[in-house]
PDB file of N, CA and C in Angstrom:
ATOM      1  N   MET A   1       0.836  -1.146   0.132  1.00  0.00           N
ATOM      2  CA  MET A   1      -0.065  -0.029  -0.029  1.00  0.00           C
ATOM      3  C   MET A   1       0.811   1.239   0.038  1.00  0.00           C
ATOM      4  N   ALA A   2       1.997   1.322   0.865  1.00  0.00           N
ATOM      5  CA  ALA A   2       2.818   2.497   0.800  1.00  0.00           C
ATOM      6  C   ALA A   2       3.520   2.578  -0.557  1.00  0.00           C
ATOM      7  N   ASP A   3       3.829   1.489  -1.168  1.00  0.00           N
ATOM      8  CA  ASP A   3       4.528   1.591  -2.428  1.00  0.00           C
ATOM      9  C   ASP A   3       3.661   2.359  -3.535  1.00  0.00           C
ATOM     10  N   ILE A   4       2.344   2.057  -3.504  1.00  0.00           N
ATOM     11  CA  ILE A   4       1.490   2.707  -4.508  1.00  0.00           C
ATOM     12  C   ILE A   4       1.470   4.135  -4.119  1.00  0.00           C
ATOM     13  N   GLU A   5       1.333   4.561  -2.915  1.00  0.00           N
ATOM     14  CA  GLU A   5       1.225   6.041  -2.483  1.00  0.00           C
ATOM     15  C   GLU A   5       2.617   6.674  -2.879  1.00  0.00           C
ATOM     16  N   THR A   6       3.725   5.989  -2.664  1.00  0.00           N
ATOM     17  CA  THR A   6       4.997   6.622  -3.040  1.00  0.00           C
ATOM     18  C   THR A   6       5.096   6.873  -4.626  1.00  0.00           C
ATOM     19  N   LEU A   7       4.555   5.815  -5.362  1.00  0.00           N
ATOM     20  CA  LEU A   7       4.713   5.950  -6.936  1.00  0.00           C
ATOM     21  C   LEU A   7       3.631   7.138  -7.272  1.00  0.00           C
ATOM     22  N   ARG A   8       2.565   7.199  -6.622  1.00  0.00           N
ATOM     23  CA  ARG A   8       1.533   8.133  -7.028  1.00  0.00           C
ATOM     24  C   ARG A   8       2.159   9.574  -6.747  1.00  0.00           C
ATOM     25  N   MET A   9       2.785   9.789  -5.566  1.00  0.00           N
ATOM     26  CA  MET A   9       3.417  11.073  -5.398  1.00  0.00           C
ATOM     27  C   MET A   9       4.541  11.383  -6.276  1.00  0.00           C
ATOM     28  N   ALA A  10       5.383  10.386  -6.514  1.00  0.00           N
ATOM     29  CA  ALA A  10       6.460  10.599  -7.555  1.00  0.00           C
ATOM     30  C   ALA A  10       6.024  10.927  -8.931  1.00  0.00           C
ATOM     31  N   ALA A  11       4.770  10.304  -9.299  1.00  0.00           N
ATOM     32  CA  ALA A  11       4.186  10.655 -10.559  1.00  0.00           C
ATOM     33  C   ALA A  11       3.550  12.149 -10.604  1.00  0.00           C
ATOM     34  N   ILE A  12       2.955  12.491  -9.588  1.00  0.00           N
ATOM     35  CA  ILE A  12       2.376  13.786  -9.433  1.00  0.00           C
ATOM     36  C   ILE A  12       3.590  14.850  -9.407  1.00  0.00           C
ATOM     37  N   ALA A  13       4.652  14.631  -8.700  1.00  0.00           N
ATOM     38  CA  ALA A  13       5.837  15.490  -8.728  1.00  0.00           C
ATOM     39  C   ALA A  13       6.476  15.528 -10.022  1.00  0.00           C
ATOM     40  N   ALA A  14       6.532  14.409 -10.825  1.00  0.00           N
ATOM     41  CA  ALA A  14       7.097  14.358 -12.044  1.00  0.00           C
ATOM     42  C   ALA A  14       6.429  15.285 -13.137  1.00  0.00           C
ATOM     43  N   VAL A  15       4.988  15.160 -13.071  1.00  0.00           N
ATOM     44  CA  VAL A  15       4.123  15.957 -13.980  1.00  0.00           C
ATOM     45  C   VAL A  15       4.262  17.435 -13.658  1.00  0.00           C
ATOM     46  N   LEU A  16       4.199  17.841 -12.449  1.00  0.00           N
ATOM     47  CA  LEU A  16       4.327  19.217 -11.944  1.00  0.00           C
ATOM     48  C   LEU A  16       5.685  19.777 -12.319  1.00  0.00           C
ATOM     49  N   ALA A  17       6.631  19.060 -12.204  1.00  0.00           N
ATOM     50  CA  ALA A  17       8.011  19.489 -12.668  1.00  0.00           C
ATOM     51  C   ALA A  17       8.187  19.763 -14.230  1.00  0.00           C
ATOM     52  N   ALA A  18       7.514  18.831 -14.966  1.00  0.00           N
ATOM     53  CA  ALA A  18       7.551  18.830 -16.347  1.00  0.00           C
ATOM     54  C   ALA A  18       6.745  20.007 -16.953  1.00  0.00           C
ATOM     55  N   THR A  19       5.808  20.285 -16.083  1.00  0.00           N
ATOM     56  CA  THR A  19       4.772  21.390 -16.809  1.00  0.00           C
ATOM     57  C   THR A  19       5.249  22.818 -16.292  1.00  0.00           C
ATOM     58  N   SER A  20       5.869  22.865 -15.148  1.00  0.00           N
ATOM     59  CA  SER A  20       6.334  24.279 -14.603  1.00  0.00           C
ATOM     60  C   SER A  20       7.528  24.727 -15.251  1.00  0.00           C
ATOM     61  N   ASN A  21       8.415  23.947 -15.777  1.00  0.00           N
ATOM     62  CA  ASN A  21       9.529  24.379 -16.495  1.00  0.00           C
ATOM     63  C   ASN A  21       9.381  25.078 -17.909  1.00  0.00           C
ATOM     64  N   ARG A  22       8.336  24.973 -18.393  1.00  0.00           N
ATOM     65  CA  ARG A  22       8.131  25.471 -19.773  1.00  0.00           C
ATOM     66  C   ARG A  22       7.842  26.854 -19.727  1.00  0.00           C
ATOM     67  N   ASP A  23       8.202  27.750 -20.728  1.00  0.00           N
ATOM     68  CA  ASP A  23       7.846  29.048 -20.807  1.00  0.00           C
ATOM     69  C   ASP A  23       6.393  29.101 -21.449  1.00  0.00           C
ATOM     70  N   ASP A  24       5.674  29.970 -21.067  1.00  0.00           N
ATOM     71  CA  ASP A  24       4.346  30.156 -21.648  1.00  0.00           C
ATOM     72  C   ASP A  24       4.474  30.706 -23.022  1.00  0.00           C
ATOM     73  N   PRO A  25       3.861  30.068 -24.073  1.00  0.00           N
ATOM     74  CA  PRO A  25       4.033  30.541 -25.454  1.00  0.00           C
ATOM     75  C   PRO A  25       3.236  31.735 -25.673  1.00  0.00           C
ATOM     76  N   ALA A  26       2.236  31.984 -24.875  1.00  0.00           N
ATOM     77  CA  ALA A  26       1.386  33.303 -25.030  1.00  0.00           C
ATOM     78  C   ALA A  26       2.223  34.422 -24.627  1.00  0.00           C
ATOM     79  N   GLN A  27       3.193  34.271 -23.800  1.00  0.00           N
ATOM     80  CA  GLN A  27       3.847  35.466 -23.431  1.00  0.00           C
ATOM     81  C   GLN A  27       5.134  35.697 -24.274  1.00  0.00           C
ATOM     82  N   ALA A  28       5.252  34.889 -25.275  1.00  0.00           N
ATOM     83  CA  ALA A  28       6.737  34.954 -26.061  1.00  0.00           C
ATOM     84  C   ALA A  28       6.818  36.296 -26.727  1.00  0.00           C
ATOM     85  N   GLY A  29       5.585  36.989 -27.112  1.00  0.00           N
ATOM     86  CA  GLY A  29       5.729  38.250 -27.878  1.00  0.00           C
ATOM     87  C   GLY A  29       5.853  39.240 -27.088  1.00  0.00           C
ATOM     88  N   ARG A  30       5.839  39.137 -25.634  1.00  0.00           N
ATOM     89  CA  ARG A  30       5.877  40.357 -24.780  1.00  0.00           C
ATOM     90  C   ARG A  30       7.378  40.343 -24.217  1.00  0.00           C
ATOM     91  N   GLN A  31       8.236  39.539 -24.696  1.00  0.00           N
ATOM     92  CA  GLN A  31       9.611  39.615 -24.221  1.00  0.00           C
ATOM     93  C   GLN A  31      10.384  40.462 -25.128  1.00  0.00           C
ATOM     94  N   LEU A  32      11.316  41.286 -24.606  1.00  0.00           N
ATOM     95  CA  LEU A  32      12.171  42.069 -25.399  1.00  0.00           C
ATOM     96  C   LEU A  32      12.977  41.292 -26.441  1.00  0.00           C
ATOM     97  N   GLY A  33      13.483  40.284 -26.082  1.00  0.00           N
ATOM     98  CA  GLY A  33      14.513  39.577 -27.153  1.00  0.00           C
ATOM     99  C   GLY A  33      15.892  40.038 -26.897  1.00  0.00           C
ATOM    100  N   GLU A  34      16.632  39.492 -27.734  1.00  0.00           N
ATOM    101  CA  GLU A  34      18.086  39.773 -27.791  1.00  0.00           C
ATOM    102  C   GLU A  34      18.425  41.227 -27.863  1.00  0.00           C
ATOM    103  N   ALA A  35      19.494  41.756 -27.408  1.00  0.00           N
ATOM    104  CA  ALA A  35      20.048  43.134 -27.471  1.00  0.00           C
ATOM    105  C   ALA A  35      20.157  43.558 -28.820  1.00  0.00           C
ATOM    106  N   TRP A  36      20.677  42.740 -29.818  1.00  0.00           N
ATOM    107  CA  TRP A  36      20.766  43.222 -31.172  1.00  0.00           C
ATOM    108  C   TRP A  36      19.388  43.248 -31.905  1.00  0.00           C
ATOM    109  N   ALA A  37      18.391  42.515 -31.422  1.00  0.00           N
ATOM    110  CA  ALA A  37      17.109  42.612 -32.000  1.00  0.00           C
ATOM    111  C   ALA A  37      16.281  43.979 -31.471  1.00  0.00           C
ATOM    112  N   GLN A  38      16.645  44.220 -30.160  1.00  0.00           N
ATOM    113  CA  GLN A  38      16.085  45.485 -29.790  1.00  0.00           C
ATOM    114  C   GLN A  38      16.731  46.682 -30.372  1.00  0.00           C
ATOM    115  N   ASP A  39      18.087  46.625 -30.609  1.00  0.00           N
ATOM    116  CA  ASP A  39      18.696  47.684 -31.242  1.00  0.00           C
ATOM    117  C   ASP A  39      18.215  47.773 -32.627  1.00  0.00           C
ATOM    118  N   HIS A  40      18.046  46.978 -33.360  1.00  0.00           N
ATOM    119  CA  HIS A  40      17.557  46.778 -34.771  1.00  0.00           C
ATOM    120  C   HIS A  40      16.223  47.419 -34.829  1.00  0.00           C
ATOM    121  N   ARG A  41      15.228  47.070 -33.980  1.00  0.00           N
ATOM    122  CA  ARG A  41      13.950  47.718 -33.829  1.00  0.00           C
ATOM    123  C   ARG A  41      14.013  49.111 -33.594  1.00  0.00           C
ATOM    124  N   ARG A  42      14.689  49.499 -32.623  1.00  0.00           N
ATOM    125  CA  ARG A  42      14.916  50.947 -32.340  1.00  0.00           C
ATOM    126  C   ARG A  42      15.541  51.853 -33.454  1.00  0.00           C
ATOM    127  N   MET A  43      16.443  51.350 -34.251  1.00  0.00           N
ATOM    128  CA  MET A  43      17.003  52.083 -35.312  1.00  0.00           C
ATOM    129  C   MET A  43      16.071  52.180 -36.364  1.00  0.00           C
ATOM    130  N   ASN A  44      15.256  51.153 -36.790  1.00  0.00           N
ATOM    131  CA  ASN A  44      14.265  51.104 -37.694  1.00  0.00           C
ATOM    132  C   ASN A  44      13.137  52.022 -37.333  1.00  0.00           C
ATOM    133  N   MET A  45      12.865  52.409 -36.124  1.00  0.00           N
ATOM    134  CA  MET A  45      11.807  53.270 -35.695  1.00  0.00           C
ATOM    135  C   MET A  45      12.424  54.642 -35.660  1.00  0.00           C
ATOM    136  N   GLY A  46      13.571  54.850 -35.948  1.00  0.00           N
ATOM    137  CA  GLY A  46      14.147  56.260 -35.962  1.00  0.00           C
ATOM    138  C   GLY A  46      14.591  56.611 -34.489  1.00  0.00           C
ATOM    139  N   MET A  47      14.593  55.755 -33.684  1.00  0.00           N
ATOM    140  CA  MET A  47      15.078  56.123 -32.250  1.00  0.00           C
ATOM    141  C   MET A  47      16.571  55.826 -32.195  1.00  0.00           C
ATOM    142  N   SER A  48      17.115  56.401 -31.049  1.00  0.00           N
ATOM    143  CA  SER A  48      18.646  56.271 -30.820  1.00  0.00           C
ATOM    144  C   SER A  48      18.927  54.668 -30.470  1.00  0.00           C
ATOM    145  N   SER A  49      20.184  54.434 -30.861  1.00  0.00           N
ATOM    146  CA  SER A  49      20.554  53.137 -30.546  1.00  0.00           C
ATOM    147  C   SER A  49      20.445  52.605 -29.175  1.00  0.00           C
ATOM    148  N   LEU A  50      20.423  51.240 -28.860  1.00  0.00           N
ATOM    149  CA  LEU A  50      20.210  50.780 -27.404  1.00  0.00           C
ATOM    150  C   LEU A  50      21.406  51.109 -26.623  1.00  0.00           C
ATOM    151  N   MET A  51      22.666  51.117 -27.221  1.00  0.00           N
ATOM    152  CA  MET A  51      23.930  51.470 -26.592  1.00  0.00           C
ATOM    153  C   MET A  51      23.758  52.921 -26.104  1.00  0.00           C
ATOM    154  N   HIS A  52      23.360  53.860 -26.860  1.00  0.00           N
ATOM    155  CA  HIS A  52      23.123  55.211 -26.588  1.00  0.00           C
ATOM    156  C   HIS A  52      22.035  55.355 -25.496  1.00  0.00           C
ATOM    157  N   SER A  53      21.079  54.678 -25.603  1.00  0.00           N
ATOM    158  CA  SER A  53      19.761  54.784 -24.595  1.00  0.00           C
ATOM    159  C   SER A  53      20.371  54.174 -23.192  1.00  0.00           C
ATOM    160  N   ARG A  54      21.097  53.063 -23.265  1.00  0.00           N
ATOM    161  CA  ARG A  54      21.593  52.567 -22.046  1.00  0.00           C
ATOM    162  C   ARG A  54      22.606  53.462 -21.245  1.00  0.00           C
ATOM    163  N   SER A  55      23.426  54.203 -22.015  1.00  0.00           N
ATOM    164  CA  SER A  55      24.469  55.120 -21.430  1.00  0.00           C
ATOM    165  C   SER A  55      23.850  56.433 -20.987  1.00  0.00           C
ATOM    166  N   ALA A  56      22.624  56.676 -21.532  1.00  0.00           N
ATOM    167  CA  ALA A  56      22.098  58.114 -21.230  1.00  0.00           C
ATOM    168  C   ALA A  56      21.629  58.166 -19.779  1.00  0.00           C
ATOM    169  N   ARG A  57      21.727  59.298 -19.292  1.00  0.00           N
ATOM    170  CA  ARG A  57      21.328  59.548 -17.732  1.00  0.00           C
ATOM    171  C   ARG A  57      19.799  59.189 -17.483  1.00  0.00           C
ATOM    172  N   SER A  58      19.539  58.728 -16.457  1.00  0.00           N
ATOM    173  CA  SER A  58      18.131  58.430 -16.200  1.00  0.00           C
ATOM    174  C   SER A  58      17.354  59.707 -15.879  1.00  0.00           C
ATOM    175  N   PRO A  59      16.138  59.936 -16.510  1.00  0.00           N
ATOM    176  CA  PRO A  59      15.388  60.982 -16.308  1.00  0.00           C
ATOM    177  C   PRO A  59      14.801  61.197 -15.035  1.00  0.00           C
ATOM    178  N   TRP A  60      14.620  60.144 -14.212  1.00  0.00           N
ATOM    179  CA  TRP A  60      14.056  60.224 -12.850  1.00  0.00           C
ATOM    180  C   TRP A  60      14.965  60.063 -11.878  1.00  0.00           C
ATOM    181  N   ARG A  61      14.801  60.734 -10.814  1.00  0.00           N
ATOM    182  CA  ARG A  61      15.754  60.671  -9.713  1.00  0.00           C
ATOM    183  C   ARG A  61      14.978  60.670  -8.390  1.00  0.00           C
TER     184      ARG A  61
END
């Protein structure tokens, strides 16, 4: 009886571990992406480069 309960708990833990490590595919579009991709998008929109933006002083203090 205890072996069945142990196996059941192990199976539940394995399923939870397998499902919690995945990234949510619905949130993929909300992530910023790599720095080169961010820089490319900024430059295409006419904004300053990412390097310039990161080195600029912060407007809030």
